[in-house]
């Protein structure tokens, strides 16, 4: 009894000093209509730079000191999140939302959008959230599922969606009645029925990444981004970009106009340029392994076109692939400035880099199948290169980022690197944002380059600008 009493006193003292935290990042409570409340005083202000060096988990017990293994922890690491406490903002399903990852639409808002669509018309892509109330079908053979989700007293049929981050369903346990989901995809009016369009997928299940701010940013989003600035750290492992995104995109408002010459695009052009360059010859060699880390194995990196997971290593065994080749840049860059932008230089096998060369991106239905190490990674035909489906969205978002950031001001068309703008939009929708892209965005943002690919953070802007 004496030992138990002593242990109780020690734990109580640790809790009082903030050494031990009882706070967890909880799943979105879409039925909670209470006003948002802060659980602590750590509302993000001290976490700029500091949180990006934290540990990989969302809990962050032990504070943010030190960063992830192998990183140089740019921006510091001690910022304000000691003990792992979080600021939790309850999702209010009856409030107004903008359909972004940090403010997903309720199902009521989704249905209001569908009501304005013509028969068989598809909307733009949005994030939306709801609770699973019934399951119609889960097919592990086809890798998709059909179920109904509900929020704000409204229901929506989710038609043959994919599992987490566009992977196929492999078991009946990947979605259950009662699960809270954040979805990403299009909405469809199909003969008066309200449902989701083709390619919709579950972004997050039972993990409130969209509404956690302040303290949680250090624990989950930043996780390792500071540590990864020299290429050896681990991935963020989360899509929690609430704090950084709100500040980075603070000049983006609903009043901005769409189109390739609209004010949304021109505003993105002004904020998307890198603050500094990472050296092509020395910096990128050690930086890219961390920026392209395998989310399932922090010791590995992902080669771009093959999506092969290999042990992290500096350039030598792999090549630095310009997704928008130098020879197609209209003389804009070589290996400096835009030519060493870490959001478009990708690690690849030497052979796949050589096969791509300066071929433009395009569909090659009857093209030559290209394989490496047993992986069919592309087709080529008539001067065009078609990567496998799981890379097409990555390619499209990089191309659209490069055009928005550098080429739009020079009147240098996307068709210099791809067969058409519409194809890039199509590929973007075919292959939604994944953890590798989000990790890359976070790692680059934490580095001295200090910018983001807006179409990774806000996939819905692709339609608004390019459709």
Protein backbone atom coordinates (compact mmCIF):
# COMPACT_ATOMS: atom_id res chain seq x y z
CA UNK A 1 0.00 0.00 0.00
CA UNK A 2 2.87 2.37 0.82
CA UNK A 3 4.49 1.77 -2.58
CA UNK A 4 1.20 2.36 -4.40
CA UNK A 5 0.64 5.60 -2.47
CA UNK A 6 4.17 6.83 -3.31
CA UNK A 7 3.65 6.03 -6.99
CA UNK A 8 0.38 8.00 -6.95
CA UNK A 9 2.18 11.04 -5.47
CA UNK A 10 4.95 10.86 -8.11
CA UNK A 11 2.49 10.60 -11.01
CA UNK A 12 0.42 13.47 -9.62
CA UNK A 13 3.53 15.65 -9.40
CA UNK A 14 4.57 14.79 -12.94
CA UNK A 15 1.12 15.67 -14.24
CA UNK A 16 1.21 18.97 -12.42
CA UNK A 17 4.57 19.88 -13.94
CA UNK A 18 3.43 18.94 -17.45
CA UNK A 19 6.05 16.15 -17.71
CA UNK A 20 3.30 13.61 -18.29
CA UNK A 21 0.37 14.52 -20.51
CA UNK A 22 -3.09 13.03 -20.46
CA UNK A 23 -4.08 14.66 -23.73
CA UNK A 24 -4.61 12.65 -26.88
CA UNK A 25 -5.55 13.71 -30.38
CA UNK A 26 -9.07 12.34 -30.63
CA UNK A 27 -11.18 11.24 -33.56
CA UNK A 28 -13.54 13.89 -34.95
CA UNK A 29 -16.69 14.08 -32.88
CA UNK A 30 -19.10 15.10 -35.63
CA UNK A 31 -22.07 14.89 -33.29
CA UNK A 32 -20.66 17.45 -30.85
CA UNK A 33 -22.40 20.82 -31.23
CA UNK A 34 -20.65 22.49 -28.29
CA UNK A 35 -18.55 25.60 -28.78
CA UNK A 36 -14.87 24.98 -29.54
CA UNK A 37 -12.66 25.03 -26.46
CA UNK A 38 -8.90 25.13 -26.00
CA UNK A 39 -7.42 22.47 -23.76
CA UNK A 40 -4.30 24.51 -22.99
CA UNK A 41 -2.55 27.79 -23.63
CA UNK A 42 -0.30 26.41 -26.38
CA UNK A 43 -2.23 27.62 -29.42
CA UNK A 44 0.45 27.26 -32.04
CA UNK A 45 2.21 30.59 -31.64
CA UNK A 46 5.42 29.14 -30.23
CA UNK A 47 5.49 26.23 -32.62
CA UNK A 48 6.60 28.01 -35.79
CA UNK A 49 9.85 26.28 -36.68
CA UNK A 50 10.03 24.72 -33.23
CA UNK A 51 7.34 22.12 -33.78
CA UNK A 52 8.84 20.94 -37.04
CA UNK A 53 11.65 19.26 -35.23
CA UNK A 54 9.48 17.15 -32.93
CA UNK A 55 9.15 13.43 -32.61
CA UNK A 56 7.23 11.37 -35.15
CA UNK A 57 4.22 10.55 -32.98
CA UNK A 58 1.17 12.70 -32.33
CA UNK A 59 1.62 12.31 -28.56
CA UNK A 60 5.00 14.07 -28.40
CA UNK A 61 5.69 12.91 -24.84
CA UNK A 62 9.09 14.15 -23.81
CA UNK A 63 8.83 17.40 -25.72
CA UNK A 64 10.17 18.47 -29.07
CA UNK A 65 13.83 18.73 -28.20
CA UNK A 66 16.22 17.07 -30.55
CA UNK A 67 14.14 16.39 -33.64
CA UNK A 68 14.17 13.17 -35.62
CA UNK A 69 17.11 10.90 -36.20
CA UNK A 70 19.62 12.23 -38.67
CA UNK A 71 18.16 15.70 -39.13
CA UNK A 72 19.78 19.05 -38.43
CA UNK A 73 16.55 20.39 -36.92
CA UNK A 74 16.39 23.64 -38.86
CA UNK A 75 14.27 26.21 -37.10
CA UNK A 76 14.90 24.90 -33.60
CA UNK A 77 13.02 22.30 -31.67
CA UNK A 78 12.04 23.49 -28.25
CA UNK A 79 9.03 25.52 -29.32
CA UNK A 80 6.30 25.50 -26.80
CA UNK A 81 4.91 21.97 -27.00
CA UNK A 82 6.70 20.36 -24.05
CA UNK A 83 4.83 17.41 -22.67
CA UNK A 84 2.76 16.76 -25.76
CA UNK A 85 -0.36 18.74 -24.92
CA UNK A 86 -2.66 19.63 -27.78
CA UNK A 87 -5.14 22.27 -28.73
CA UNK A 88 -8.26 20.41 -29.77
CA UNK A 89 -10.90 22.22 -31.81
CA UNK A 90 -14.15 20.25 -32.02
CA UNK A 91 -15.53 19.91 -35.51
CA UNK A 92 -18.88 21.72 -35.66
CA UNK A 93 -20.92 19.91 -38.31
CA UNK A 94 -23.48 22.72 -38.43
CA UNK A 95 -20.94 25.49 -39.06
CA UNK A 96 -19.93 26.75 -42.49
CA UNK A 97 -16.91 25.00 -44.02
CA UNK A 98 -14.79 25.48 -47.15
CA UNK A 99 -14.19 21.87 -48.22
CA UNK A 100 -10.46 21.92 -47.45
CA UNK A 101 -8.58 19.38 -45.34
CA UNK A 102 -8.66 21.75 -42.37
CA UNK A 103 -12.37 22.54 -42.86
CA UNK A 104 -14.08 19.58 -44.55
CA UNK A 105 -17.68 19.92 -45.68
CA UNK A 106 -20.46 18.32 -43.66
CA UNK A 107 -22.75 15.95 -45.56
CA UNK A 108 -25.46 18.60 -45.45
CA UNK A 109 -23.13 20.97 -47.31
CA UNK A 110 -22.28 18.19 -49.80
CA UNK A 111 -25.95 17.65 -50.55
CA UNK A 112 -26.45 21.37 -51.06
CA UNK A 113 -23.70 21.26 -53.70
CA UNK A 114 -25.26 18.21 -55.38
CA UNK A 115 -28.65 19.96 -55.49
CA UNK A 116 -27.10 22.51 -57.84
CA UNK A 117 -25.67 19.88 -60.24
CA UNK A 118 -27.37 18.73 -63.41
CA UNK A 119 -28.14 15.03 -63.84
CA UNK A 120 -24.88 13.01 -63.98
CA UNK A 121 -22.84 16.16 -63.46
CA UNK A 122 -19.78 15.84 -61.20
CA UNK A 123 -18.57 18.53 -58.82
CA UNK A 124 -15.04 19.66 -58.08
CA UNK A 125 -13.03 17.69 -55.53
CA UNK A 126 -13.53 18.42 -51.85
CA UNK A 127 -12.79 17.07 -48.40
CA UNK A 128 -15.91 16.10 -46.45
CA UNK A 129 -16.62 14.25 -43.24
CA UNK A 130 -19.28 12.01 -41.77
CA UNK A 131 -19.99 8.91 -39.72
CA UNK A 132 -20.62 5.53 -41.36
CA UNK A 133 -24.25 4.56 -40.71
CA UNK A 134 -24.60 1.58 -43.06
CA UNK A 135 -22.43 -0.54 -45.35
CA UNK A 136 -23.78 -1.77 -48.67
CA UNK A 137 -20.72 -3.65 -49.94
CA UNK A 138 -17.02 -4.17 -49.30
CA UNK A 139 -15.16 -5.92 -52.10
CA UNK A 140 -11.60 -7.01 -51.38
CA UNK A 141 -11.29 -8.46 -54.88
CA UNK A 142 -12.03 -5.11 -56.54
CA UNK A 143 -10.56 -3.16 -53.64
CA UNK A 144 -13.44 -0.76 -53.05
CA UNK A 145 -16.49 -0.24 -50.87
CA UNK A 146 -19.96 1.32 -50.93
CA UNK A 147 -21.45 2.72 -47.75
CA UNK A 148 -23.52 5.60 -46.39
CA UNK A 149 -22.12 8.40 -44.22
CA UNK A 150 -24.01 11.00 -42.22
CA UNK A 151 -23.40 14.39 -40.60
CA UNK A 152 -25.52 17.48 -39.90
CA UNK A 153 -28.62 15.23 -40.14
CA UNK A 154 -27.94 14.43 -43.82
CA UNK A 155 -26.79 11.29 -45.59
CA UNK A 156 -24.61 10.59 -48.63
CA UNK A 157 -23.91 7.36 -50.52
CA UNK A 158 -20.18 6.81 -50.89
CA UNK A 159 -19.97 4.83 -54.11
CA UNK A 160 -17.14 2.33 -54.53
CA UNK A 161 -14.49 4.39 -52.81
CA UNK A 162 -10.93 3.35 -52.09
CA UNK A 163 -9.38 2.69 -48.72
CA UNK A 164 -6.96 4.94 -46.86
CA UNK A 165 -5.00 7.19 -49.21
CA UNK A 166 -6.31 5.54 -52.35
CA UNK A 167 -5.12 2.03 -51.48
CA UNK A 168 -7.38 -0.94 -52.20
CA UNK A 169 -9.46 -2.59 -49.49
CA UNK A 170 -7.84 -5.77 -48.28
CA UNK A 171 -10.13 -6.70 -45.38
CA UNK A 172 -13.61 -6.14 -43.99
CA UNK A 173 -12.10 -4.22 -41.07
CA UNK A 174 -11.04 -1.17 -43.07
CA UNK A 175 -14.41 0.54 -42.62
CA UNK A 176 -17.06 -0.17 -39.99
CA UNK A 177 -20.40 1.26 -38.96
CA UNK A 178 -19.67 4.03 -36.49
CA UNK A 179 -16.35 5.06 -38.04
CA UNK A 180 -15.78 8.78 -38.42
CA UNK A 181 -14.25 9.42 -41.86
CA UNK A 182 -12.69 12.32 -43.66
CA UNK A 183 -13.20 11.67 -47.38
CA UNK A 184 -11.73 13.27 -50.50
CA UNK A 185 -13.34 13.22 -53.91
CA UNK A 186 -16.09 14.50 -56.15
CA UNK A 187 -19.85 14.66 -55.62
CA UNK A 188 -22.38 13.40 -58.16
CA UNK A 189 -26.04 13.87 -59.00
CA UNK A 190 -26.96 10.49 -60.49
CA UNK A 191 -30.58 10.46 -61.55
CA UNK A 192 -31.53 12.54 -58.55
CA UNK A 193 -29.52 10.37 -56.17
CA UNK A 194 -26.84 12.02 -54.07
CA UNK A 195 -23.57 10.10 -54.12
CA UNK A 196 -19.82 10.44 -54.56
CA UNK A 197 -18.08 10.32 -57.93
CA UNK A 198 -15.40 8.02 -59.27
CA UNK A 199 -12.06 7.99 -57.48
CA UNK A 200 -13.30 9.12 -54.05
CA UNK A 201 -11.22 7.73 -51.20
CA UNK A 202 -11.00 7.66 -47.42
CA UNK A 203 -8.41 10.21 -46.39
CA UNK A 204 -8.56 9.59 -42.65
CA UNK A 205 -10.41 7.18 -40.40
CA UNK A 206 -11.04 7.89 -36.70
CA UNK A 207 -8.22 10.41 -36.44
CA UNK A 208 -9.03 14.12 -36.21
CA UNK A 209 -6.18 15.50 -38.28
CA UNK A 210 -8.17 18.39 -39.69
CA UNK A 211 -9.05 20.24 -36.54
CA UNK A 212 -6.04 19.79 -34.25
CA UNK A 213 -3.86 22.88 -34.01
CA UNK A 214 -1.10 24.35 -31.90
CA UNK A 215 0.39 21.60 -29.78
CA UNK A 216 -0.54 18.76 -32.09
CA UNK A 217 1.33 20.31 -34.97
CA UNK A 218 4.61 19.66 -33.25
CA UNK A 219 3.62 16.08 -32.48
CA UNK A 220 2.18 14.99 -35.77
CA UNK A 221 2.62 17.30 -38.72
CA UNK A 222 5.99 18.67 -37.86
CA UNK A 223 6.95 15.34 -36.43
CA UNK A 224 10.14 15.06 -38.35
CA UNK A 225 10.16 17.82 -40.85
CA UNK A 226 12.76 19.81 -39.00
CA UNK A 227 14.86 16.71 -38.50
CA UNK A 228 14.58 15.85 -42.16
CA UNK A 229 16.22 19.02 -43.40
CA UNK A 230 19.45 17.14 -43.93
CA UNK A 231 17.75 14.11 -45.37
CA UNK A 232 18.10 11.53 -42.65
CA UNK A 233 15.03 11.97 -40.50
CA UNK A 234 11.67 10.27 -40.48
CA UNK A 235 8.41 11.24 -42.09
CA UNK A 236 5.64 13.34 -40.64
CA UNK A 237 3.23 10.42 -40.76
CA UNK A 238 0.26 12.78 -40.66
CA UNK A 239 -1.76 15.15 -42.77
CA UNK A 240 -2.18 17.65 -39.91
CA UNK A 241 -1.17 20.88 -41.63
CA UNK A 242 -3.65 23.15 -39.88
CA UNK A 243 -1.25 25.64 -38.27
CA UNK A 244 1.28 25.96 -41.09
CA UNK A 245 -1.38 25.95 -43.78
CA UNK A 246 -3.46 28.72 -42.25
CA UNK A 247 -0.45 31.00 -41.98
CA UNK A 248 1.10 30.10 -45.34
CA UNK A 249 -2.17 30.55 -47.25
CA UNK A 250 -3.53 33.46 -45.22
CA UNK A 251 -3.72 35.65 -48.35
CA UNK A 252 -6.06 33.17 -50.08
CA UNK A 253 -9.70 34.18 -49.72
CA UNK A 254 -12.99 33.00 -51.22
CA UNK A 255 -13.20 36.20 -53.26
CA UNK A 256 -10.23 35.21 -55.46
CA UNK A 257 -11.19 34.28 -59.01
CA UNK A 258 -10.47 31.03 -60.80
CA UNK A 259 -8.85 30.35 -64.15
CA UNK A 260 -5.21 30.25 -65.24
CA UNK A 261 -5.06 34.04 -65.24
CA UNK A 262 -7.37 34.52 -62.25
CA UNK A 263 -6.44 36.10 -58.95
CA UNK A 264 -6.19 32.72 -57.16
CA UNK A 265 -3.42 31.65 -59.53
CA UNK A 266 -1.59 34.98 -59.43
CA UNK A 267 -1.73 34.99 -55.63
CA UNK A 268 -0.36 31.44 -55.48
CA UNK A 269 2.43 32.48 -57.86
CA UNK A 270 3.44 35.22 -55.45
CA UNK A 271 3.56 32.98 -52.36
CA UNK A 272 4.82 29.69 -53.83
CA UNK A 273 8.35 30.70 -54.78
CA UNK A 274 11.16 29.19 -52.67
CA UNK A 275 12.75 31.47 -50.07
CA UNK A 276 16.19 29.99 -50.82
CA UNK A 277 17.73 27.19 -52.88
CA UNK A 278 19.14 23.85 -51.77
CA UNK A 279 22.38 23.12 -53.62
CA UNK A 280 21.86 20.73 -56.53
CA UNK A 281 25.33 19.19 -56.32
CA UNK A 282 25.64 18.75 -52.56
CA UNK A 283 22.41 19.60 -50.73
CA UNK A 284 19.83 17.63 -52.72
CA UNK A 285 21.91 14.48 -52.53
CA UNK A 286 21.37 14.24 -48.79
CA UNK A 287 18.04 16.08 -48.67
CA UNK A 288 15.90 14.07 -51.08
CA UNK A 289 15.99 10.72 -49.20
CA UNK A 290 14.19 12.29 -46.24
CA UNK A 291 11.84 14.31 -48.44
CA UNK A 292 10.83 11.13 -50.26
CA UNK A 293 10.71 8.82 -47.28
CA UNK A 294 8.71 5.60 -47.31
CA UNK A 295 5.79 6.24 -44.89
CA UNK A 296 5.80 2.55 -43.97
CA UNK A 297 9.55 2.35 -43.31
CA UNK A 298 11.43 5.44 -42.09
CA UNK A 299 14.75 3.82 -43.00
CA UNK A 300 13.79 3.73 -46.68
CA UNK A 301 13.11 6.18 -49.48
CA UNK A 302 10.75 5.87 -52.46
CA UNK A 303 12.11 5.99 -56.02
CA UNK A 304 9.74 8.12 -58.04
CA UNK A 305 8.53 6.32 -61.17
CA UNK A 306 8.87 2.73 -59.91
CA UNK A 307 7.62 3.55 -56.38
CA UNK A 308 10.23 1.06 -55.15
CA UNK A 309 11.18 1.35 -51.49
CA UNK A 310 14.96 1.24 -51.02
CA UNK A 311 17.33 1.99 -48.17
CA UNK A 312 18.09 5.69 -47.77
CA UNK A 313 21.37 6.69 -49.35
CA UNK A 314 22.93 9.77 -50.88
CA UNK A 315 22.88 10.31 -54.65
CA UNK A 316 25.24 8.06 -56.55
CA UNK A 317 23.09 4.97 -56.60
CA UNK A 318 20.20 7.08 -57.87
CA UNK A 319 19.67 10.04 -60.18
CA UNK A 320 17.99 13.41 -59.61
CA UNK A 321 15.06 13.52 -61.99
CA UNK A 322 13.76 16.89 -63.20
CA UNK A 323 10.03 16.20 -63.46
CA UNK A 324 9.90 19.26 -65.75
CA UNK A 325 13.12 18.64 -67.72
CA UNK A 326 15.71 21.37 -68.15
CA UNK A 327 15.51 21.04 -71.93
CA UNK A 328 11.77 21.77 -71.83
CA UNK A 329 12.09 24.79 -69.52
CA UNK A 330 12.58 27.34 -72.28
CA UNK A 331 16.00 28.20 -70.89
CA UNK A 332 14.60 29.07 -67.45
CA UNK A 333 16.94 26.83 -65.50
CA UNK A 334 19.81 24.41 -65.42
CA UNK A 335 20.89 23.18 -62.00
CA UNK A 336 20.25 26.38 -60.05
CA UNK A 337 17.11 28.27 -59.02
CA UNK A 338 14.03 26.40 -60.28
CA UNK A 339 16.43 23.69 -61.51
CA UNK A 340 17.11 22.60 -57.93
CA UNK A 341 13.61 23.02 -56.51
CA UNK A 342 13.16 20.07 -54.15
CA UNK A 343 9.43 19.95 -54.87
CA UNK A 344 10.12 18.83 -58.43
CA UNK A 345 13.49 17.03 -58.29
CA UNK A 346 12.78 13.35 -57.59
CA UNK A 347 15.07 10.40 -56.81
CA UNK A 348 14.91 7.69 -59.50
CA UNK A 349 16.82 4.69 -60.73
CA UNK A 350 19.42 5.72 -63.29
CA UNK A 351 17.78 3.57 -65.97
CA UNK A 352 14.31 5.01 -65.43
CA UNK A 353 15.73 8.52 -65.44
CA UNK A 354 17.40 7.76 -68.76
CA UNK A 355 14.22 6.24 -70.21
CA UNK A 356 12.21 9.31 -69.31
CA UNK A 357 14.86 11.66 -70.68
CA UNK A 358 13.04 14.72 -71.99
CA UNK A 359 9.89 12.92 -73.10
CA UNK A 360 6.67 14.84 -72.51
CA UNK A 361 3.95 13.37 -70.32
CA UNK A 362 1.04 11.84 -72.19
CA UNK A 363 -1.11 8.74 -72.58
CA UNK A 364 0.55 5.89 -74.49
CA UNK A 365 -2.18 3.26 -74.78
CA UNK A 366 -0.30 1.18 -77.36
CA UNK A 367 3.16 2.22 -76.27
CA UNK A 368 6.23 0.24 -75.30
CA UNK A 369 5.98 -1.13 -71.75
CA UNK A 370 8.98 -0.11 -69.66
CA UNK A 371 10.06 -2.34 -66.77
CA UNK A 372 12.79 -2.18 -64.17
CA UNK A 373 13.51 -4.73 -61.47
CA UNK A 374 10.30 -6.51 -62.40
CA UNK A 375 8.14 -3.37 -62.10
CA UNK A 376 6.15 -2.09 -65.08
CA UNK A 377 6.61 1.59 -64.34
CA UNK A 378 5.71 3.33 -67.62
CA UNK A 379 4.79 3.22 -71.30
CA UNK A 380 6.47 5.30 -74.01
CA UNK A 381 5.31 6.17 -77.50
CA UNK A 382 5.77 8.95 -80.04
CA UNK A 383 7.77 11.25 -77.77
CA UNK A 384 5.53 10.74 -74.75
CA UNK A 385 6.01 9.07 -71.37
CA UNK A 386 3.07 7.65 -69.38
CA UNK A 387 3.92 6.67 -65.76
CA UNK A 388 1.95 4.04 -63.90
CA UNK A 389 -1.36 5.17 -62.40
CA UNK A 390 -0.08 5.49 -58.82
CA UNK A 391 2.41 8.17 -59.93
CA UNK A 392 0.21 10.15 -62.33
CA UNK A 393 -1.27 12.40 -59.67
CA UNK A 394 2.18 13.17 -58.26
CA UNK A 395 3.40 14.10 -61.73
CA UNK A 396 0.38 16.28 -62.45
CA UNK A 397 0.60 18.21 -59.19
CA UNK A 398 4.33 18.82 -59.70
CA UNK A 399 3.76 20.05 -63.26
CA UNK A 400 0.94 22.36 -62.14
CA UNK A 401 3.09 23.63 -59.25
CA UNK A 402 6.03 24.35 -61.54
CA UNK A 403 3.86 26.18 -64.05
CA UNK A 404 2.13 28.22 -61.35
CA UNK A 405 5.36 29.08 -59.54
CA UNK A 406 7.69 29.79 -62.47
CA UNK A 407 6.28 29.43 -65.97
CA UNK A 408 2.96 31.29 -65.81
CA UNK A 409 4.78 34.61 -65.61
CA UNK A 410 6.88 33.69 -68.64
CA UNK A 411 3.93 32.60 -70.83
CA UNK A 412 5.57 29.17 -71.04
CA UNK A 413 2.76 26.67 -71.62
CA UNK A 414 2.12 23.43 -69.76
CA UNK A 415 1.98 21.78 -73.19
CA UNK A 416 5.76 22.18 -73.32
CA UNK A 417 5.97 19.30 -70.86
CA UNK A 418 2.59 17.51 -71.20
CA UNK A 419 0.21 16.69 -74.02
CA UNK A 420 -2.52 18.93 -72.53
CA UNK A 421 -3.63 20.78 -69.43
CA UNK A 422 -6.76 18.64 -69.28
CA UNK A 423 -4.63 15.50 -69.07
CA UNK A 424 -2.85 16.86 -66.01
CA UNK A 425 -6.23 17.56 -64.39
CA UNK A 426 -7.33 14.02 -65.29
CA UNK A 427 -4.19 12.47 -63.79
CA UNK A 428 -4.56 14.63 -60.68
CA UNK A 429 -8.03 13.18 -60.10
CA UNK A 430 -7.01 9.62 -60.94
CA UNK A 431 -4.29 9.52 -58.29
CA UNK A 432 -5.13 11.60 -55.17
CA UNK A 433 -2.61 13.08 -52.74
CA UNK A 434 -0.79 10.50 -50.63
CA UNK A 435 1.42 10.47 -47.53
CA UNK A 436 4.64 10.65 -49.56
CA UNK A 437 3.59 13.94 -51.14
CA UNK A 438 2.44 15.43 -47.86
CA UNK A 439 5.69 14.42 -46.17
CA UNK A 440 7.65 16.03 -49.03
CA UNK A 441 5.65 19.23 -48.62
CA UNK A 442 6.31 19.33 -44.89
CA UNK A 443 10.02 18.52 -45.18
CA UNK A 444 10.62 21.13 -47.88
CA UNK A 445 8.62 23.70 -45.93
CA UNK A 446 10.82 23.11 -42.87
CA UNK A 447 14.01 23.51 -44.91
CA UNK A 448 15.56 26.75 -46.09
CA UNK A 449 13.56 26.40 -49.33
CA UNK A 450 10.51 27.05 -47.09
CA UNK A 451 7.64 26.71 -49.56
CA UNK A 452 4.86 24.25 -50.38
CA UNK A 453 3.11 22.73 -53.37
CA UNK A 454 -0.37 24.26 -53.01
CA UNK A 455 -2.03 21.51 -55.03
CA UNK A 456 -0.93 18.93 -52.47
CA UNK A 457 -2.41 20.95 -49.60
CA UNK A 458 -5.48 22.05 -51.58
CA UNK A 459 -6.29 19.59 -54.39
CA UNK A 460 -9.58 21.42 -54.95
CA UNK A 461 -7.66 24.42 -56.39
CA UNK A 462 -6.71 22.36 -59.45
CA UNK A 463 -10.27 22.47 -60.75
CA UNK A 464 -10.69 26.12 -59.86
CA UNK A 465 -7.59 27.15 -61.82
CA UNK A 466 -7.14 24.58 -64.59
CA UNK A 467 -10.48 22.97 -65.36
